[in-house]
Amino acid sequence: MVTRTVVVVDEEPRAQAFIAYMLEKDGFEPSTFGSTSAARSSLLAARERPCLAVVDVGPHGTQGLEFARWLLAENPLTGIVFTTTGTMPDLSVKGLPTSRVQVLQKPFLAEEFRRRVDSLLLRAPERAHAQASGESRDDIGA
């Protein structure tokens, strides 16, 4: 059975609530956190593997990018939606897989968020097939 768990990491409680509300409306089970360290600790303790993570990228962006790398190392099928109010770091030099990452500039519309989530989750079976058949990864910069 496919997990419907989504990790939401944003230091802004209103942003957490808005994203969680949208996800719940679509049948997901969001877990919200104010930091990547809290999210990682919770995931390790629960041994939970989410299907998706929505991660706010702050002004420096390093914690969100490191958290995404860790999640993808744990489960390459995890989708990542980065949200940001600033300029997003260049993912092409960060080694993140293009098929597993989306970026949304804040503020965003609910419909655009849903399109990004759907796009990531629809690509997961393709990724699983590629890994099972030994095809090469689609990492940016690899």
N, C-alpha and C. Protein backbone atom coordinates (compact mmCIF):
# COMPACT_ATOMS: atom_id res chain seq x y z
N MET A 1 0.83 -1.19 0.00
CA MET A 1 0.00 0.00 0.00
C MET A 1 0.87 1.25 0.00
N VAL A 2 0.50 2.24 -0.78
CA VAL A 2 1.25 3.47 -0.89
C VAL A 2 0.94 4.37 0.30
N THR A 3 1.98 4.92 0.90
CA THR A 3 1.78 5.82 2.03
C THR A 3 1.17 7.13 1.56
N ARG A 4 0.37 7.72 2.39
CA ARG A 4 -0.25 9.03 2.10
C ARG A 4 0.31 10.08 3.06
N THR A 5 1.43 9.74 3.72
CA THR A 5 2.05 10.64 4.68
C THR A 5 2.87 11.70 3.97
N VAL A 6 2.70 12.95 4.40
CA VAL A 6 3.45 14.06 3.84
C VAL A 6 4.07 14.85 4.99
N VAL A 7 5.34 15.15 4.88
CA VAL A 7 6.05 15.97 5.84
C VAL A 7 6.01 17.42 5.35
N VAL A 8 5.59 18.31 6.23
CA VAL A 8 5.54 19.74 5.90
C VAL A 8 6.50 20.45 6.86
N VAL A 9 7.51 21.12 6.30
CA VAL A 9 8.48 21.84 7.11
C VAL A 9 8.45 23.31 6.73
N ASP A 10 8.01 24.12 7.68
CA ASP A 10 7.96 25.57 7.48
C ASP A 10 7.97 26.21 8.86
N GLU A 11 8.80 27.22 9.05
CA GLU A 11 8.86 27.86 10.37
C GLU A 11 7.65 28.74 10.63
N GLU A 12 6.87 29.03 9.61
CA GLU A 12 5.69 29.88 9.73
C GLU A 12 4.46 29.01 10.00
N PRO A 13 3.86 29.10 11.19
CA PRO A 13 2.69 28.27 11.52
C PRO A 13 1.51 28.44 10.56
N ARG A 14 1.29 29.65 10.06
CA ARG A 14 0.17 29.86 9.12
C ARG A 14 0.42 29.13 7.81
N ALA A 15 1.66 29.12 7.35
CA ALA A 15 2.00 28.39 6.12
C ALA A 15 1.82 26.89 6.34
N GLN A 16 2.26 26.39 7.50
CA GLN A 16 2.07 24.97 7.83
C GLN A 16 0.59 24.60 7.77
N ALA A 17 -0.24 25.43 8.41
CA ALA A 17 -1.68 25.14 8.48
C ALA A 17 -2.32 25.16 7.10
N PHE A 18 -1.94 26.11 6.26
CA PHE A 18 -2.51 26.22 4.91
C PHE A 18 -2.14 25.00 4.06
N ILE A 19 -0.87 24.63 4.10
CA ILE A 19 -0.41 23.48 3.32
C ILE A 19 -1.05 22.20 3.84
N ALA A 20 -1.09 22.04 5.16
CA ALA A 20 -1.71 20.85 5.75
C ALA A 20 -3.18 20.76 5.36
N TYR A 21 -3.88 21.88 5.38
CA TYR A 21 -5.30 21.90 4.99
C TYR A 21 -5.48 21.42 3.55
N MET A 22 -4.66 21.94 2.63
CA MET A 22 -4.76 21.52 1.23
C MET A 22 -4.49 20.02 1.09
N LEU A 23 -3.50 19.53 1.79
CA LEU A 23 -3.15 18.12 1.71
C LEU A 23 -4.25 17.23 2.29
N GLU A 24 -4.81 17.63 3.43
CA GLU A 24 -5.89 16.86 4.04
C GLU A 24 -7.11 16.79 3.13
N LYS A 25 -7.42 17.90 2.45
CA LYS A 25 -8.55 17.92 1.51
C LYS A 25 -8.36 16.89 0.39
N ASP A 26 -7.12 16.61 0.06
CA ASP A 26 -6.81 15.66 -1.01
C ASP A 26 -6.51 14.26 -0.48
N GLY A 27 -6.80 14.01 0.80
CA GLY A 27 -6.67 12.67 1.35
C GLY A 27 -5.30 12.30 1.88
N PHE A 28 -4.42 13.27 2.03
CA PHE A 28 -3.09 13.00 2.58
C PHE A 28 -3.10 13.16 4.09
N GLU A 29 -2.06 12.66 4.73
CA GLU A 29 -1.90 12.74 6.18
C GLU A 29 -0.65 13.58 6.47
N PRO A 30 -0.82 14.91 6.58
CA PRO A 30 0.35 15.76 6.80
C PRO A 30 0.83 15.74 8.25
N SER A 31 2.14 15.79 8.41
CA SER A 31 2.78 16.00 9.70
C SER A 31 3.57 17.29 9.57
N THR A 32 3.31 18.26 10.44
CA THR A 32 3.94 19.57 10.29
C THR A 32 5.05 19.77 11.31
N PHE A 33 6.10 20.48 10.86
CA PHE A 33 7.26 20.74 11.69
C PHE A 33 7.76 22.15 11.42
N GLY A 34 8.36 22.76 12.45
CA GLY A 34 8.91 24.10 12.31
C GLY A 34 10.36 24.12 11.88
N SER A 35 10.99 22.93 11.83
CA SER A 35 12.39 22.86 11.41
C SER A 35 12.68 21.50 10.77
N THR A 36 13.73 21.48 9.98
CA THR A 36 14.13 20.21 9.35
C THR A 36 14.67 19.24 10.39
N SER A 37 15.31 19.75 11.43
CA SER A 37 15.84 18.84 12.46
C SER A 37 14.71 18.15 13.22
N ALA A 38 13.63 18.88 13.51
CA ALA A 38 12.47 18.26 14.17
C ALA A 38 11.83 17.22 13.27
N ALA A 39 11.72 17.53 11.99
CA ALA A 39 11.12 16.58 11.05
C ALA A 39 11.97 15.32 10.94
N ARG A 40 13.26 15.50 10.83
CA ARG A 40 14.16 14.34 10.69
C ARG A 40 14.11 13.47 11.95
N SER A 41 14.14 14.08 13.12
CA SER A 41 14.06 13.33 14.38
C SER A 41 12.78 12.52 14.45
N SER A 42 11.68 13.12 14.07
CA SER A 42 10.39 12.43 14.11
C SER A 42 10.36 11.26 13.13
N LEU A 43 10.88 11.48 11.93
CA LEU A 43 10.90 10.41 10.93
C LEU A 43 11.78 9.25 11.37
N LEU A 44 12.91 9.56 11.97
CA LEU A 44 13.80 8.50 12.45
C LEU A 44 13.16 7.72 13.59
N ALA A 45 12.50 8.42 14.49
CA ALA A 45 11.86 7.75 15.63
C ALA A 45 10.70 6.86 15.19
N ALA A 46 9.95 7.33 14.21
CA ALA A 46 8.77 6.58 13.75
C ALA A 46 9.12 5.58 12.65
N ARG A 47 10.33 5.70 12.12
CA ARG A 47 10.75 4.88 10.98
C ARG A 47 9.74 5.02 9.84
N GLU A 48 9.22 6.22 9.72
CA GLU A 48 8.20 6.54 8.74
C GLU A 48 8.86 7.03 7.46
N ARG A 49 8.30 6.67 6.33
CA ARG A 49 8.80 7.10 5.04
C ARG A 49 7.68 7.80 4.29
N PRO A 50 7.72 9.12 4.23
CA PRO A 50 6.65 9.86 3.55
C PRO A 50 6.72 9.71 2.04
N CYS A 51 5.58 9.91 1.38
CA CYS A 51 5.57 9.91 -0.07
C CYS A 51 6.00 11.27 -0.62
N LEU A 52 5.90 12.30 0.24
CA LEU A 52 6.15 13.67 -0.21
C LEU A 52 6.63 14.50 0.97
N ALA A 53 7.46 15.50 0.67
CA ALA A 53 7.86 16.49 1.66
C ALA A 53 7.69 17.87 1.04
N VAL A 54 7.08 18.76 1.80
CA VAL A 54 6.96 20.16 1.40
C VAL A 54 7.87 20.93 2.33
N VAL A 55 8.94 21.53 1.78
CA VAL A 55 9.99 22.12 2.59
C VAL A 55 10.20 23.57 2.20
N ASP A 56 10.04 24.45 3.18
CA ASP A 56 10.33 25.86 2.95
C ASP A 56 11.84 26.04 2.93
N VAL A 57 12.32 26.79 1.96
CA VAL A 57 13.74 27.08 1.85
C VAL A 57 13.94 28.52 2.30
N GLY A 58 14.59 28.68 3.44
CA GLY A 58 14.83 30.00 4.00
C GLY A 58 15.83 30.78 3.18
N PRO A 59 16.25 31.92 3.72
CA PRO A 59 17.17 32.80 2.99
C PRO A 59 18.45 32.12 2.55
N HIS A 60 18.96 31.20 3.36
CA HIS A 60 20.22 30.53 3.00
C HIS A 60 19.98 29.19 2.33
N GLY A 61 18.87 28.56 2.61
CA GLY A 61 18.45 27.37 1.90
C GLY A 61 19.18 26.07 2.18
N THR A 62 20.26 26.10 2.95
CA THR A 62 21.06 24.89 3.09
C THR A 62 20.36 23.80 3.89
N GLN A 63 19.65 24.14 4.96
CA GLN A 63 19.01 23.11 5.77
C GLN A 63 17.93 22.38 4.97
N GLY A 64 17.13 23.09 4.21
CA GLY A 64 16.10 22.45 3.40
C GLY A 64 16.68 21.55 2.33
N LEU A 65 17.76 21.99 1.71
CA LEU A 65 18.41 21.18 0.67
C LEU A 65 19.05 19.94 1.27
N GLU A 66 19.68 20.08 2.42
CA GLU A 66 20.29 18.92 3.09
C GLU A 66 19.22 17.92 3.51
N PHE A 67 18.11 18.43 4.03
CA PHE A 67 17.00 17.56 4.44
C PHE A 67 16.46 16.80 3.23
N ALA A 68 16.30 17.48 2.11
CA ALA A 68 15.81 16.83 0.89
C ALA A 68 16.76 15.74 0.43
N ARG A 69 18.07 16.02 0.47
CA ARG A 69 19.05 15.01 0.09
C ARG A 69 18.95 13.79 0.99
N TRP A 70 18.81 14.02 2.30
CA TRP A 70 18.68 12.92 3.25
C TRP A 70 17.43 12.10 2.97
N LEU A 71 16.28 12.78 2.76
CA LEU A 71 15.04 12.07 2.46
C LEU A 71 15.17 11.22 1.21
N LEU A 72 15.76 11.77 0.17
CA LEU A 72 15.91 11.03 -1.08
C LEU A 72 16.89 9.87 -0.95
N ALA A 73 17.88 10.01 -0.08
CA ALA A 73 18.80 8.90 0.17
C ALA A 73 18.07 7.77 0.90
N GLU A 74 17.15 8.12 1.79
CA GLU A 74 16.35 7.14 2.52
C GLU A 74 15.33 6.46 1.61
N ASN A 75 14.73 7.24 0.72
CA ASN A 75 13.72 6.72 -0.21
C ASN A 75 13.73 7.57 -1.49
N PRO A 76 14.36 7.07 -2.55
CA PRO A 76 14.47 7.83 -3.79
C PRO A 76 13.13 8.17 -4.45
N LEU A 77 12.05 7.56 -4.00
CA LEU A 77 10.74 7.84 -4.59
C LEU A 77 10.02 9.01 -3.92
N THR A 78 10.59 9.55 -2.85
CA THR A 78 9.97 10.68 -2.16
C THR A 78 9.95 11.89 -3.08
N GLY A 79 8.80 12.54 -3.17
CA GLY A 79 8.70 13.79 -3.91
C GLY A 79 9.02 14.95 -2.97
N ILE A 80 9.65 15.97 -3.52
CA ILE A 80 10.01 17.15 -2.72
C ILE A 80 9.43 18.39 -3.39
N VAL A 81 8.66 19.16 -2.64
CA VAL A 81 8.20 20.47 -3.10
C VAL A 81 8.90 21.50 -2.23
N PHE A 82 9.78 22.29 -2.84
CA PHE A 82 10.41 23.40 -2.13
C PHE A 82 9.52 24.62 -2.28
N THR A 83 9.31 25.33 -1.17
CA THR A 83 8.61 26.61 -1.23
C THR A 83 9.59 27.68 -0.79
N THR A 84 9.47 28.86 -1.37
CA THR A 84 10.42 29.93 -1.04
C THR A 84 9.80 31.30 -1.32
N THR A 85 10.21 32.27 -0.52
CA THR A 85 9.83 33.65 -0.78
C THR A 85 10.98 34.38 -1.46
N GLY A 86 12.12 33.76 -1.50
CA GLY A 86 13.30 34.39 -2.09
C GLY A 86 13.74 33.68 -3.35
N THR A 87 15.00 33.81 -3.63
CA THR A 87 15.59 33.17 -4.79
C THR A 87 16.00 31.76 -4.40
N MET A 88 15.59 30.80 -5.20
CA MET A 88 15.92 29.40 -4.92
C MET A 88 17.34 29.12 -5.38
N PRO A 89 18.12 28.43 -4.53
CA PRO A 89 19.46 28.03 -4.97
C PRO A 89 19.39 27.18 -6.23
N ASP A 90 20.44 27.23 -7.02
CA ASP A 90 20.49 26.48 -8.27
C ASP A 90 20.54 24.98 -7.98
N LEU A 91 19.46 24.28 -8.29
CA LEU A 91 19.39 22.85 -8.01
C LEU A 91 20.30 22.04 -8.92
N SER A 92 20.69 22.61 -10.05
CA SER A 92 21.51 21.85 -10.99
C SER A 92 22.88 21.51 -10.41
N VAL A 93 23.34 22.29 -9.45
CA VAL A 93 24.63 21.98 -8.83
C VAL A 93 24.44 21.28 -7.48
N LYS A 94 23.21 21.02 -7.10
CA LYS A 94 22.93 20.40 -5.81
C LYS A 94 22.75 18.89 -5.91
N GLY A 95 22.71 18.35 -7.12
CA GLY A 95 22.60 16.90 -7.30
C GLY A 95 21.24 16.32 -6.94
N LEU A 96 20.19 17.12 -7.05
CA LEU A 96 18.85 16.63 -6.75
C LEU A 96 18.17 16.16 -8.03
N PRO A 97 17.46 15.04 -7.98
CA PRO A 97 16.83 14.50 -9.20
C PRO A 97 15.68 15.37 -9.70
N THR A 98 15.74 15.72 -10.96
CA THR A 98 14.74 16.60 -11.55
C THR A 98 13.33 16.04 -11.47
N SER A 99 13.18 14.75 -11.57
CA SER A 99 11.84 14.16 -11.57
C SER A 99 11.24 14.09 -10.17
N ARG A 100 12.00 14.37 -9.13
CA ARG A 100 11.51 14.26 -7.76
C ARG A 100 11.39 15.59 -7.05
N VAL A 101 11.72 16.70 -7.73
CA VAL A 101 11.74 18.01 -7.08
C VAL A 101 10.94 19.03 -7.87
N GLN A 102 10.14 19.80 -7.14
CA GLN A 102 9.41 20.94 -7.71
C GLN A 102 9.70 22.15 -6.83
N VAL A 103 9.64 23.34 -7.40
CA VAL A 103 9.86 24.57 -6.65
C VAL A 103 8.65 25.48 -6.85
N LEU A 104 8.13 26.00 -5.74
CA LEU A 104 7.00 26.93 -5.77
C LEU A 104 7.40 28.23 -5.08
N GLN A 105 7.17 29.32 -5.77
CA GLN A 105 7.43 30.64 -5.21
C GLN A 105 6.22 31.06 -4.37
N LYS A 106 6.45 31.48 -3.14
CA LYS A 106 5.37 31.97 -2.27
C LYS A 106 5.05 33.40 -2.65
N PRO A 107 3.83 33.83 -2.60
CA PRO A 107 2.63 33.04 -2.33
C PRO A 107 2.24 32.24 -3.58
N PHE A 108 1.57 31.12 -3.38
CA PHE A 108 1.14 30.30 -4.51
C PHE A 108 -0.33 29.96 -4.35
N LEU A 109 -0.94 29.61 -5.45
CA LEU A 109 -2.34 29.22 -5.46
C LEU A 109 -2.48 27.73 -5.15
N ALA A 110 -3.59 27.38 -4.52
CA ALA A 110 -3.84 25.98 -4.15
C ALA A 110 -3.79 25.08 -5.38
N GLU A 111 -4.34 25.53 -6.49
CA GLU A 111 -4.36 24.71 -7.70
C GLU A 111 -2.95 24.44 -8.22
N GLU A 112 -2.09 25.43 -8.17
CA GLU A 112 -0.70 25.23 -8.60
C GLU A 112 0.00 24.24 -7.68
N PHE A 113 -0.24 24.34 -6.39
CA PHE A 113 0.33 23.39 -5.42
C PHE A 113 -0.12 21.98 -5.76
N ARG A 114 -1.41 21.80 -5.99
CA ARG A 114 -1.95 20.47 -6.32
C ARG A 114 -1.33 19.91 -7.59
N ARG A 115 -1.14 20.76 -8.60
CA ARG A 115 -0.52 20.29 -9.85
C ARG A 115 0.90 19.78 -9.59
N ARG A 116 1.64 20.49 -8.77
CA ARG A 116 3.01 20.08 -8.47
C ARG A 116 3.03 18.75 -7.71
N VAL A 117 2.15 18.62 -6.72
CA VAL A 117 2.07 17.37 -5.95
C VAL A 117 1.69 16.22 -6.87
N ASP A 118 0.65 16.42 -7.68
CA ASP A 118 0.22 15.36 -8.60
C ASP A 118 1.34 14.96 -9.55
N SER A 119 2.07 15.94 -10.05
CA SER A 119 3.17 15.66 -10.97
C SER A 119 4.23 14.78 -10.32
N LEU A 120 4.58 15.09 -9.09
CA LEU A 120 5.60 14.30 -8.39
C LEU A 120 5.11 12.89 -8.09
N LEU A 121 3.88 12.77 -7.65
CA LEU A 121 3.37 11.45 -7.26
C LEU A 121 3.08 10.57 -8.47
N LEU A 122 2.75 11.16 -9.59
CA LEU A 122 2.53 10.37 -10.80
C LEU A 122 3.84 9.85 -11.38
N ARG A 123 4.94 10.54 -11.10
CA ARG A 123 6.24 10.11 -11.63
C ARG A 123 6.87 9.01 -10.81
N ALA A 124 6.42 8.79 -9.59
CA ALA A 124 7.03 7.79 -8.71
C ALA A 124 7.06 6.39 -9.30
N PRO A 125 5.96 5.89 -9.92
CA PRO A 125 6.03 4.55 -10.51
C PRO A 125 7.06 4.45 -11.63
N GLU A 126 7.22 5.52 -12.41
CA GLU A 126 8.21 5.51 -13.48
C GLU A 126 9.61 5.37 -12.88
N ARG A 127 9.86 6.06 -11.80
CA ARG A 127 11.16 6.01 -11.13
C ARG A 127 11.42 4.61 -10.58
N ALA A 128 10.41 4.02 -9.98
CA ALA A 128 10.57 2.67 -9.42
C ALA A 128 10.91 1.68 -10.53
N HIS A 129 10.26 1.80 -11.69
CA HIS A 129 10.54 0.92 -12.81
C HIS A 129 11.98 1.09 -13.30
N ALA A 130 12.42 2.35 -13.39
CA ALA A 130 13.78 2.62 -13.86
C ALA A 130 14.81 2.01 -12.92
N GLN A 131 14.58 2.11 -11.61
CA GLN A 131 15.52 1.55 -10.65
C GLN A 131 15.52 0.02 -10.72
N ALA A 132 14.35 -0.56 -10.85
CA ALA A 132 14.25 -2.03 -10.89
C ALA A 132 14.93 -2.60 -12.14
N SER A 133 14.87 -1.85 -13.25
CA SER A 133 15.45 -2.34 -14.49
C SER A 133 16.91 -1.93 -14.66
N GLY A 134 17.45 -1.18 -13.66
CA GLY A 134 18.86 -0.80 -13.72
C GLY A 134 19.16 0.38 -14.62
N GLU A 135 18.13 1.13 -15.01
CA GLU A 135 18.37 2.32 -15.83
C GLU A 135 19.08 3.37 -15.01
N SER A 136 19.74 4.29 -15.69
CA SER A 136 20.51 5.32 -14.98
C SER A 136 19.60 6.33 -14.29
N ARG A 137 20.13 6.94 -13.24
CA ARG A 137 19.39 7.95 -12.49
C ARG A 137 19.31 9.22 -13.30
N ASP A 138 18.32 10.05 -12.99
CA ASP A 138 18.12 11.30 -13.71
C ASP A 138 18.54 12.49 -12.86
N ASP A 139 19.59 12.33 -12.07
CA ASP A 139 20.05 13.41 -11.22
C ASP A 139 20.57 14.56 -12.07
N ILE A 140 20.26 15.75 -11.61
CA ILE A 140 20.82 16.93 -12.25
C ILE A 140 22.30 16.97 -11.89
N GLY A 141 23.12 17.23 -12.85
CA GLY A 141 24.54 17.37 -12.60
C GLY A 141 25.28 16.07 -12.42
N ALA A 142 24.60 14.94 -12.58
CA ALA A 142 25.26 13.65 -12.39
C ALA A 142 25.95 13.24 -13.67
